[in-house]
């Protein structure tokens, strides 16, 4: 009888510390792992989220930059962290969707080991050409590409900038020669010089050149126009209604985090998204603040991303080691 009573009470005894931990969470500093180097827009975004999340949760949230291997190093660190809610990831379409489809082997399973808590911002891309190119719009560019060889500047293989170009190539039925650069700065330098004819770049880096007339913007890759460039049409308006090529940044956590803590984090991140100062700052950089989504909405978003890019990756045979 004593042994039976002990067995019956054991689960409740074991569960008590876990329940207590959820009730008192958060009781110490959280860390937000940013899998990019300090100083870039993603780092700025992560630090802004951390600052506001600190206020919402009543505990400090520190940013830890763990760059390298196309976000794999930082993502792996969070995927394999304790599921106590104190380690978060500055997640992206690359880390959660693209890398699992592109790499032959990954040291983490994004679908099984990570849970997306919020998609915070969407990053539109801008189709830009040098003014010396005799194409004033997307239709003229397509016509020109059917007559002569066109080079497209990218900053790597399998990232959103490269995949946006590949999706356009497929959608328009044209050929583009991929010229890979080690970063946006040398790619834009080559584009400005006319050595390459087109680039699908993040708005932030191309915008100053467009505003001064050194580059011509032909279209944006979102379904609708973006507020910072209201006169530039969406490529989807111009005969390619299914074309959409953006990336997003959000916050994820290990999937083993208890549901009540996930719910608390989702609520706090929704409050960050609603912050007028947060919205104004990043909208001015050409980013689109995303609506707060529940778990089902986030799952649907991820699935739509997988469907969009899996076809491009398979059609072009893009594989990374």
Protein backbone atom coordinates (compact mmCIF):
# COMPACT_ATOMS: atom_id res chain seq x y z
CA UNK A 1 0.00 0.00 0.00
CA UNK A 2 2.80 2.42 0.84
CA UNK A 3 4.53 1.69 -2.47
CA UNK A 4 1.25 2.17 -4.38
CA UNK A 5 0.57 5.53 -2.68
CA UNK A 6 4.11 6.64 -3.49
CA UNK A 7 3.63 5.80 -7.17
CA UNK A 8 0.30 7.59 -7.31
CA UNK A 9 1.70 10.79 -5.84
CA UNK A 10 4.98 10.78 -7.78
CA UNK A 11 3.74 12.48 -11.00
CA UNK A 12 2.19 15.37 -9.07
CA UNK A 13 5.38 15.78 -7.05
CA UNK A 14 7.50 15.82 -10.18
CA UNK A 15 5.17 18.26 -11.94
CA UNK A 16 5.11 20.77 -9.10
CA UNK A 17 8.49 22.43 -9.84
CA UNK A 18 7.59 22.79 -13.54
CA UNK A 19 4.24 24.38 -12.74
CA UNK A 20 5.89 26.72 -10.26
CA UNK A 21 8.51 27.71 -12.82
CA UNK A 22 5.78 28.65 -15.32
CA UNK A 23 3.95 30.69 -12.71
CA UNK A 24 7.05 32.72 -11.84
CA UNK A 25 8.42 33.02 -15.39
CA UNK A 26 10.37 35.11 -16.24
CA UNK A 27 12.51 35.37 -13.14
CA UNK A 28 15.85 36.15 -14.79
CA UNK A 29 17.49 37.59 -17.90
CA UNK A 30 16.49 36.26 -21.31
CA UNK A 31 18.77 36.14 -24.33
CA UNK A 32 17.82 36.74 -27.96
CA UNK A 33 20.28 35.02 -30.28
CA UNK A 34 20.77 36.98 -33.52
CA UNK A 35 22.48 34.73 -36.10
CA UNK A 36 23.97 37.74 -37.90
CA UNK A 37 26.92 40.03 -37.26
CA UNK A 38 26.43 43.22 -35.22
CA UNK A 39 25.55 46.45 -36.96
CA UNK A 40 23.25 45.33 -39.76
CA UNK A 41 19.53 45.92 -40.06
CA UNK A 42 18.72 42.50 -38.62
CA UNK A 43 20.89 43.25 -35.60
CA UNK A 44 19.17 46.63 -35.18
CA UNK A 45 15.80 44.92 -35.44
CA UNK A 46 16.80 42.34 -32.85
CA UNK A 47 18.02 44.97 -30.41
CA UNK A 48 14.84 47.01 -30.83
CA UNK A 49 12.72 43.91 -30.18
CA UNK A 50 14.86 42.99 -27.15
CA UNK A 51 14.51 46.45 -25.67
CA UNK A 52 10.73 46.50 -25.99
CA UNK A 53 10.37 42.87 -24.96
CA UNK A 54 12.27 43.71 -21.76
CA UNK A 55 9.62 46.28 -20.91
CA UNK A 56 6.76 43.90 -21.68
CA UNK A 57 8.17 41.02 -19.63
CA UNK A 58 9.73 42.98 -16.78
CA UNK A 59 13.08 41.25 -17.29
CA UNK A 60 16.17 42.20 -19.28
CA UNK A 61 16.49 40.66 -22.74
CA UNK A 62 20.07 40.70 -24.00
CA UNK A 63 21.14 40.25 -27.61
CA UNK A 64 23.77 37.63 -28.37
CA UNK A 65 25.22 37.75 -31.89
CA UNK A 66 26.16 34.29 -33.17
CA UNK A 67 26.83 34.80 -36.85
CA UNK A 68 28.13 32.27 -39.32
CA UNK A 69 27.26 29.46 -41.72
CA UNK A 70 24.25 31.21 -43.23
CA UNK A 71 22.47 31.52 -39.81
CA UNK A 72 23.07 27.83 -38.98
CA UNK A 73 25.36 28.42 -35.99
CA UNK A 74 22.97 30.68 -34.10
CA UNK A 75 19.89 28.70 -35.08
CA UNK A 76 21.42 25.44 -33.88
CA UNK A 77 22.30 27.03 -30.54
CA UNK A 78 18.65 27.91 -29.90
CA UNK A 79 17.20 24.69 -31.32
CA UNK A 80 19.29 22.72 -28.83
CA UNK A 81 18.84 25.08 -25.88
CA UNK A 82 16.78 24.27 -22.79
CA UNK A 83 13.06 24.68 -23.30
CA UNK A 84 12.62 27.09 -20.41
CA UNK A 85 11.73 30.20 -22.40
CA UNK A 86 14.96 32.04 -21.59
CA UNK A 87 16.62 31.49 -24.99
CA UNK A 88 15.03 32.97 -28.10
CA UNK A 89 16.04 33.17 -31.76
CA UNK A 90 15.90 36.05 -34.19
CA UNK A 91 14.40 33.77 -36.82
CA UNK A 92 13.98 34.34 -40.54
CA UNK A 93 12.67 32.75 -43.68
CA UNK A 94 16.24 31.59 -44.33
CA UNK A 95 16.68 29.79 -41.01
CA UNK A 96 13.17 28.35 -40.69
CA UNK A 97 12.21 27.59 -44.31
CA UNK A 98 15.01 27.89 -46.86
CA UNK A 99 17.95 26.23 -45.13
CA UNK A 100 16.02 23.02 -44.34
CA UNK A 101 15.20 22.71 -48.06
CA UNK A 102 18.61 23.76 -49.39
CA UNK A 103 21.13 21.90 -47.26
CA UNK A 104 21.80 18.20 -47.61
CA UNK A 105 22.43 18.02 -43.86
CA UNK A 106 21.62 20.40 -41.02
CA UNK A 107 22.59 20.01 -37.35
CA UNK A 108 19.03 20.91 -36.33
CA UNK A 109 15.47 20.14 -37.41
CA UNK A 110 13.65 23.46 -37.68
CA UNK A 111 10.20 21.91 -37.98
CA UNK A 112 10.64 19.67 -34.95
CA UNK A 113 12.98 21.60 -32.64
CA UNK A 114 11.82 25.20 -33.13
CA UNK A 115 8.51 27.01 -32.73
CA UNK A 116 7.88 30.34 -34.46
CA UNK A 117 6.36 32.76 -31.94
CA UNK A 118 5.91 35.77 -34.21
CA UNK A 119 6.71 37.04 -37.68
CA UNK A 120 7.64 40.64 -36.90
CA UNK A 121 8.54 42.27 -40.23
CA UNK A 122 8.55 41.44 -43.93
CA UNK A 123 11.42 42.57 -46.14
CA UNK A 124 10.43 43.51 -49.69
CA UNK A 125 13.03 43.42 -52.43
CA UNK A 126 13.46 45.92 -55.23
CA UNK A 127 14.19 45.05 -58.86
CA UNK A 128 16.77 47.64 -59.89
CA UNK A 129 18.72 48.29 -63.10
CA UNK A 130 21.31 50.91 -64.11
CA UNK A 131 19.88 53.90 -66.00
CA UNK A 132 22.13 53.01 -68.93
CA UNK A 133 20.00 49.92 -69.58
CA UNK A 134 17.35 50.57 -72.22
CA UNK A 135 14.50 49.18 -70.15
CA UNK A 136 12.14 51.63 -68.48
CA UNK A 137 9.84 49.00 -66.99
CA UNK A 138 9.56 45.28 -66.30
CA UNK A 139 7.96 44.47 -69.65
CA UNK A 140 10.77 46.19 -71.54
CA UNK A 141 13.33 44.37 -69.41
CA UNK A 142 11.77 41.01 -70.28
CA UNK A 143 11.72 41.89 -73.98
CA UNK A 144 15.38 42.92 -73.82
CA UNK A 145 16.35 39.74 -71.96
CA UNK A 146 14.89 37.71 -74.83
CA UNK A 147 17.20 39.49 -77.24
CA UNK A 148 20.52 39.57 -75.37
CA UNK A 149 22.37 38.03 -72.45
CA UNK A 150 21.52 39.52 -69.05
CA UNK A 151 23.56 39.19 -65.87
CA UNK A 152 21.88 39.32 -62.47
CA UNK A 153 23.86 40.25 -59.35
CA UNK A 154 23.30 38.11 -56.28
CA UNK A 155 25.04 37.81 -52.93
CA UNK A 156 25.19 34.04 -52.60
CA UNK A 157 23.34 30.89 -53.53
CA UNK A 158 19.97 30.01 -52.06
CA UNK A 159 19.34 33.24 -50.15
CA UNK A 160 16.22 35.38 -50.77
CA UNK A 161 18.03 37.74 -53.18
CA UNK A 162 19.14 34.83 -55.35
CA UNK A 163 15.81 33.01 -55.15
CA UNK A 164 13.88 36.18 -56.06
CA UNK A 165 15.90 36.38 -59.27
CA UNK A 166 15.37 32.69 -60.01
CA UNK A 167 11.62 33.00 -59.42
CA UNK A 168 11.47 35.97 -61.80
CA UNK A 169 13.49 34.06 -64.37
CA UNK A 170 10.98 31.19 -64.23
CA UNK A 171 7.92 33.48 -64.15
CA UNK A 172 9.09 35.56 -67.15
CA UNK A 173 10.50 32.63 -69.13
CA UNK A 174 13.86 34.33 -69.63
CA UNK A 175 17.49 33.45 -68.99
CA UNK A 176 19.60 35.33 -66.43
CA UNK A 177 23.27 34.61 -65.79
CA UNK A 178 23.90 34.56 -62.05
CA UNK A 179 26.94 36.58 -60.98
CA UNK A 180 27.65 35.97 -57.30
CA UNK A 181 29.23 38.73 -55.17
CA UNK A 182 30.48 38.50 -51.57
CA UNK A 183 28.02 41.17 -50.40
CA UNK A 184 25.57 43.91 -51.39
CA UNK A 185 28.20 46.67 -51.62
CA UNK A 186 30.31 45.07 -54.40
CA UNK A 187 27.16 43.84 -56.15
CA UNK A 188 25.71 47.34 -56.23
CA UNK A 189 29.06 48.78 -57.38
CA UNK A 190 29.02 46.40 -60.35
CA UNK A 191 25.39 47.23 -61.06
CA UNK A 192 26.07 50.97 -60.96
CA UNK A 193 28.91 50.46 -63.42
CA UNK A 194 26.65 48.49 -65.76
CA UNK A 195 28.75 45.32 -65.52
CA UNK A 196 25.60 43.46 -64.45
CA UNK A 197 22.16 44.44 -65.67
CA UNK A 198 19.77 43.75 -62.77
CA UNK A 199 19.60 42.99 -59.08
CA UNK A 200 16.83 42.08 -56.66
CA UNK A 201 18.07 43.96 -53.62
CA UNK A 202 16.70 44.86 -50.21
CA UNK A 203 15.08 48.27 -50.36
CA UNK A 204 17.25 49.71 -47.61
CA UNK A 205 20.51 49.48 -49.57
CA UNK A 206 19.09 50.37 -53.00
CA UNK A 207 16.82 53.21 -51.93
CA UNK A 208 19.49 55.98 -51.78
CA UNK A 209 20.63 55.13 -55.33
CA UNK A 210 17.06 55.12 -56.61
CA UNK A 211 16.33 58.46 -54.94
CA UNK A 212 19.40 60.08 -56.55
CA UNK A 213 18.73 58.59 -59.98
CA UNK A 214 21.79 56.35 -60.03
CA UNK A 215 19.59 53.26 -60.25
CA UNK A 216 16.17 52.73 -61.81
CA UNK A 217 13.56 50.81 -59.82
CA UNK A 218 11.39 48.63 -62.06
CA UNK A 219 9.26 46.90 -59.43
CA UNK A 220 8.90 45.66 -55.88
CA UNK A 221 8.56 41.97 -55.04
CA UNK A 222 5.58 42.25 -52.68
CA UNK A 223 2.02 41.76 -53.92
CA UNK A 224 1.27 45.43 -53.20
CA UNK A 225 3.31 48.61 -53.49
CA UNK A 226 5.38 49.69 -50.50
CA UNK A 227 4.88 53.01 -48.69
CA UNK A 228 8.48 54.26 -49.09
CA UNK A 229 8.23 53.92 -52.91
CA UNK A 230 4.55 54.47 -53.72
CA UNK A 231 5.22 55.17 -57.41
CA UNK A 232 7.07 51.92 -58.03
CA UNK A 233 4.65 49.17 -59.12
CA UNK A 234 4.60 45.67 -57.71
CA UNK A 235 5.87 43.09 -60.19
CA UNK A 236 2.59 41.27 -59.55
CA UNK A 237 0.79 44.24 -61.17
CA UNK A 238 2.78 43.93 -64.37
CA UNK A 239 1.65 40.66 -65.86
CA UNK A 240 3.05 38.33 -63.18
CA UNK A 241 0.13 38.05 -60.71
CA UNK A 242 1.64 35.11 -58.78
CA UNK A 243 5.05 36.68 -58.34
CA UNK A 244 5.99 37.33 -54.73
CA UNK A 245 9.50 37.14 -53.30
CA UNK A 246 10.13 38.52 -49.86
CA UNK A 247 11.69 37.36 -46.65
CA UNK A 248 10.67 37.92 -43.06
CA UNK A 249 12.20 38.16 -39.61
CA UNK A 250 10.58 37.06 -36.39
CA UNK A 251 11.19 35.38 -33.06
CA UNK A 252 11.32 31.64 -32.38
CA UNK A 253 11.98 29.43 -29.36
CA UNK A 254 12.78 25.78 -28.71
CA UNK A 255 9.64 23.72 -29.31
CA UNK A 256 9.93 22.23 -25.81
CA UNK A 257 9.01 25.57 -24.18
CA UNK A 258 5.74 25.05 -22.23
CA UNK A 259 2.59 26.36 -23.90
CA UNK A 260 1.80 28.96 -21.19
CA UNK A 261 5.24 30.54 -21.67
CA UNK A 262 4.84 30.48 -25.46
CA UNK A 263 1.50 32.26 -25.06
CA UNK A 264 3.08 34.89 -22.81
CA UNK A 265 5.86 35.49 -25.33
CA UNK A 266 3.40 35.74 -28.24
CA UNK A 267 1.40 38.35 -26.36
CA UNK A 268 4.50 40.37 -25.52
CA UNK A 269 5.74 40.24 -29.14
CA UNK A 270 2.32 41.37 -30.39
CA UNK A 271 2.62 44.38 -28.10
CA UNK A 272 6.06 45.12 -29.60
CA UNK A 273 4.57 45.01 -33.11
CA UNK A 274 1.86 47.45 -32.06
CA UNK A 275 4.36 49.96 -30.62
CA UNK A 276 4.07 53.13 -32.79
CA UNK A 277 7.77 53.97 -32.43
CA UNK A 278 8.77 50.46 -33.50
CA UNK A 279 6.45 50.59 -36.50
CA UNK A 280 7.61 54.04 -37.58
CA UNK A 281 11.32 53.26 -37.28
CA UNK A 282 11.32 50.11 -39.37
CA UNK A 283 8.69 51.21 -41.86
CA UNK A 284 11.00 54.13 -42.69
CA UNK A 285 13.66 51.56 -43.64
CA UNK A 286 11.35 49.91 -46.16
CA UNK A 287 10.23 47.04 -43.93
CA UNK A 288 6.58 46.03 -43.61
CA UNK A 289 5.33 45.39 -40.07
CA UNK A 290 3.52 42.08 -39.99
CA UNK A 291 0.15 41.50 -38.33
CA UNK A 292 0.16 39.49 -35.13
CA UNK A 293 -0.70 35.86 -35.97
CA UNK A 294 -1.78 33.00 -33.78
CA UNK A 295 -0.13 29.58 -33.91
CA UNK A 296 -2.32 28.38 -36.78
CA UNK A 297 -1.70 31.55 -38.77
CA UNK A 298 2.07 31.20 -38.37
CA UNK A 299 1.93 27.55 -39.43
CA UNK A 300 -0.02 28.53 -42.55
CA UNK A 301 2.52 31.24 -43.36
CA UNK A 302 5.42 28.79 -43.08
CA UNK A 303 3.66 26.24 -45.26
CA UNK A 304 2.96 28.86 -47.95
CA UNK A 305 6.65 29.78 -47.90
CA UNK A 306 7.68 26.15 -48.30
CA UNK A 307 5.34 25.68 -51.26
CA UNK A 308 6.59 28.84 -52.98
CA UNK A 309 10.29 28.12 -52.70
CA UNK A 310 10.37 24.34 -52.98
CA UNK A 311 9.29 24.58 -56.62
CA UNK A 312 12.03 27.09 -57.44
CA UNK A 313 14.71 25.14 -55.58
CA UNK A 314 13.76 21.88 -57.27
CA UNK A 315 13.37 23.43 -60.74
CA UNK A 316 16.79 25.05 -60.57
CA UNK A 317 18.48 22.15 -58.76
CA UNK A 318 19.81 24.34 -55.96
CA UNK A 319 21.58 22.31 -53.24
CA UNK A 320 24.04 23.41 -50.55
CA UNK A 321 26.48 21.27 -48.56
